[in-house]
C-alpha atoms as a PDB file:
ATOM      1  CA  MET A   1      43.374 -14.675 -43.554  1.00  0.00           C
ATOM      2  CA  ASP A   2      43.566 -10.908 -43.700  1.00  0.00           C
ATOM      3  CA  LEU A   3      40.828  -9.273 -45.773  1.00  0.00           C
ATOM      4  CA  LYS A   4      41.357  -5.737 -47.002  1.00  0.00           C
ATOM      5  CA  CYS A   5      39.027  -3.666 -49.167  1.00  0.00           C
ATOM      6  CA  ARG A   6      39.249  -0.180 -50.644  1.00  0.00           C
ATOM      7  CA  LYS A   7      35.552  -0.109 -51.619  1.00  0.00           C
ATOM      8  CA  THR A   8      34.747   2.283 -48.761  1.00  0.00           C
ATOM      9  CA  ASN A   9      31.028   2.588 -49.539  1.00  0.00           C
ATOM     10  CA  CYS A  10      30.413  -1.147 -49.045  1.00  0.00           C
ATOM     11  CA  ARG A  11      28.190  -2.264 -46.199  1.00  0.00           C
ATOM     12  CA  TYR A  12      30.904  -4.664 -44.982  1.00  0.00           C
ATOM     13  CA  ASN A  13      33.843  -2.225 -45.109  1.00  0.00           C
ATOM     14  CA  ASN A  14      35.132  -1.105 -41.719  1.00  0.00           C
ATOM     15  CA  GLY A  15      38.389   0.834 -41.809  1.00  0.00           C
ATOM     16  CA  PHE A  16      39.417  -0.919 -45.054  1.00  0.00           C
ATOM     17  CA  ALA A  17      38.811  -4.354 -43.493  1.00  0.00           C
ATOM     18  CA  CYS A  18      36.070  -6.638 -44.792  1.00  0.00           C
ATOM     19  CA  ARG A  19      33.548  -7.663 -42.125  1.00  0.00           C
ATOM     20  CA  ALA A  20      31.450  -9.965 -44.337  1.00  0.00           C
ATOM     21  CA  LYS A  21      30.874 -13.493 -43.009  1.00  0.00           C
ATOM     22  CA  ASN A  22      31.580 -15.014 -46.422  1.00  0.00           C
ATOM     23  CA  ILE A  23      32.883 -13.618 -49.704  1.00  0.00           C
ATOM     24  CA  ALA A  24      32.279 -14.598 -53.327  1.00  0.00           C
ATOM     25  CA  ILE A  25      34.683 -13.582 -56.099  1.00  0.00           C
ATOM     26  CA  GLU A  26      33.255 -13.874 -59.620  1.00  0.00           C
ATOM     27  CA  ARG A  27      35.005 -15.232 -62.706  1.00  0.00           C
ATOM     28  CA  GLU A  28      35.771 -11.639 -63.812  1.00  0.00           C
ATOM     29  CA  LEU A  29      37.405 -11.028 -60.371  1.00  0.00           C
ATOM     30  CA  ASN A  30      34.587  -8.776 -59.131  1.00  0.00           C
ATOM     31  CA  CYS A  31      33.529  -9.093 -55.494  1.00  0.00           C
ATOM     32  CA  HIS A  32      29.960 -10.421 -55.651  1.00  0.00           C
ATOM     33  CA  THR A  33      29.529  -9.832 -51.892  1.00  0.00           C
ATOM     34  CA  PHE A  34      29.725  -6.026 -52.293  1.00  0.00           C
ATOM     35  CA  GLU A  35      26.605  -4.249 -51.014  1.00  0.00           C
ATOM     36  CA  LEU A  36      26.284  -0.496 -51.405  1.00  0.00           C
ATOM     37  CA  ASP A  37      25.719   1.385 -48.154  1.00  0.00           C
ATOM     38  CA  PRO A  38      24.135   4.744 -49.078  1.00  0.00           C
ATOM     39  CA  HIS A  39      25.177   6.195 -45.703  1.00  0.00           C
ATOM     40  CA  LYS A  40      28.885   5.726 -46.416  1.00  0.00           C
ATOM     41  CA  GLN A  41      30.817   8.110 -48.616  1.00  0.00           C
ATOM     42  CA  VAL A  42      33.371   7.069 -51.198  1.00  0.00           C
ATOM     43  CA  ARG A  43      36.764   8.327 -50.036  1.00  0.00           C
ATOM     44  CA  ASP A  44      39.760   8.901 -52.255  1.00  0.00           C
ATOM     45  CA  THR A  45      42.285   6.588 -50.627  1.00  0.00           C
ATOM     46  CA  SER A  46      45.164   7.370 -52.948  1.00  0.00           C
ATOM     47  CA  LEU A  47      48.037   8.856 -51.015  1.00  0.00           C
ATOM     48  CA  CYS A  48      50.666  11.356 -52.000  1.00  0.00           C
ATOM     49  CA  MET A  49      53.691  12.504 -50.059  1.00  0.00           C
ATOM     50  CA  PHE A  50      51.849  15.196 -48.062  1.00  0.00           C
ATOM     51  CA  ASP A  51      48.474  13.502 -47.483  1.00  0.00           C
ATOM     52  CA  GLU A  52      47.529  12.050 -44.144  1.00  0.00           C
ATOM     53  CA  ALA A  53      47.121   8.278 -44.212  1.00  0.00           C
ATOM     54  CA  PRO A  54      43.535   7.057 -43.715  1.00  0.00           C
ATOM     55  CA  ALA A  55      42.636   5.201 -40.518  1.00  0.00           C
ATOM     56  CA  TYR A  56      42.879   1.455 -41.030  1.00  0.00           C
ATOM     57  CA  SER A  57      41.227  -1.260 -39.013  1.00  0.00           C
ATOM     58  CA  SER A  58      43.630  -3.628 -37.335  1.00  0.00           C
ATOM     59  CA  HIS A  59      44.381  -7.027 -38.862  1.00  0.00           C
ATOM     60  CA  ARG A  60      41.405  -9.339 -38.447  1.00  0.00           C
ATOM     61  CA  GLU A  61      41.915 -13.076 -38.685  1.00  0.00           C
ATOM     62  CA  LYS A  62      39.151 -14.936 -40.530  1.00  0.00           C
ATOM     63  CA  LYS A  63      39.727 -18.555 -39.527  1.00  0.00           C
ATOM     64  CA  GLY A  64      37.092 -20.820 -40.987  1.00  0.00           C
ATOM     65  CA  MET A  65      35.769 -18.179 -43.362  1.00  0.00           C
ATOM     66  CA  ARG A  66      34.719 -19.423 -46.783  1.00  0.00           C
ATOM     67  CA  ILE A  67      35.751 -17.371 -49.789  1.00  0.00           C
ATOM     68  CA  ALA A  68      34.110 -18.728 -52.903  1.00  0.00           C
ATOM     69  CA  CYS A  69      36.033 -18.046 -56.094  1.00  0.00           C
ATOM     70  CA  ALA A  70      35.033 -18.618 -59.708  1.00  0.00           C
ATOM     71  CA  ALA A  71      38.181 -17.047 -61.223  1.00  0.00           C
ATOM     72  CA  LYS A  72      40.924 -19.010 -62.974  1.00  0.00           C
ATOM     73  CA  CYS A  73      43.475 -18.167 -60.297  1.00  0.00           C
ATOM     74  CA  LEU A  74      46.465 -19.835 -58.674  1.00  0.00           C
ATOM     75  CA  PHE A  75      44.714 -19.559 -55.284  1.00  0.00           C
ATOM     76  CA  ASN A  76      41.451 -21.140 -56.470  1.00  0.00           C
ATOM     77  CA  GLU A  77      41.207 -24.730 -55.260  1.00  0.00           C
ATOM     78  CA  GLN A  78      37.919 -26.314 -56.292  1.00  0.00           C
ATOM     79  CA  GLY A  79      36.049 -23.024 -56.055  1.00  0.00           C
ATOM     80  CA  ILE A  80      37.572 -21.891 -52.744  1.00  0.00           C
ATOM     81  CA  CYS A  81      40.227 -19.182 -52.302  1.00  0.00           C
ATOM     82  CA  VAL A  82      43.248 -20.522 -50.387  1.00  0.00           C
ATOM     83  CA  ALA A  83      45.341 -17.325 -50.381  1.00  0.00           C
ATOM     84  CA  ASN A  84      46.795 -16.154 -47.054  1.00  0.00           C
ATOM     85  CA  GLY A  85      45.049 -12.830 -47.534  1.00  0.00           C
ATOM     86  CA  LEU A  86      42.671 -11.149 -49.938  1.00  0.00           C
ATOM     87  CA  THR A  87      42.641  -7.540 -51.115  1.00  0.00           C
ATOM     88  CA  VAL A  88      39.788  -5.955 -53.020  1.00  0.00           C
ATOM     89  CA  ASN A  89      40.628  -2.716 -54.807  1.00  0.00           C
ATOM     90  CA  VAL A  90      38.449  -0.311 -56.772  1.00  0.00           C
ATOM     91  CA  ILE A  91      38.906  -0.522 -60.523  1.00  0.00           C
ATOM     92  CA  ASN A  92      36.472   1.433 -62.719  1.00  0.00           C
ATOM     93  CA  GLU A  93      34.223   1.907 -59.654  1.00  0.00           C
ATOM     94  CA  CYS A  94      33.916  -1.887 -59.212  1.00  0.00           C
ATOM     95  CA  PRO A  95      35.216  -3.963 -56.296  1.00  0.00           C
ATOM     96  CA  TYR A  96      37.953  -6.069 -57.905  1.00  0.00           C
ATOM     97  CA  CYS A  97      40.134  -8.811 -56.380  1.00  0.00           C
ATOM     98  CA  ILE A  98      43.795  -7.830 -56.811  1.00  0.00           C
ATOM     99  CA  THR A  99      45.135 -10.913 -55.039  1.00  0.00           C
ATOM    100  CA  PHE A 100      44.589 -12.754 -58.324  1.00  0.00           C
ATOM    101  CA  ALA A 101      47.591 -14.664 -59.691  1.00  0.00           C
ATOM    102  CA  LYS A 102      47.641 -16.492 -63.023  1.00  0.00           C
ATOM    103  CA  PRO A 103      47.948 -20.274 -62.583  1.00  0.00           C
END
């Protein structure tokens, strides 16, 4: 499972890859695992034609990782996310799961 996150000031964010051991997505699709790291700056990761792409961490497989999910989502099977990958984006300053798919 590939885990990507654009919440660059999270303790677990390393080059847009999530390094948390386990993740919990709330019913409202917010990432409950998010922990603010005051030493990290929030970067604008939106790209336009002339911007330089940010440095991304390589794909990191998370075999055996548990992603708890309380959302009513196609990938939620008995409270566990079974998606092949998970992406958390920043919406209104909150870490928000955008892998969500209506069942």
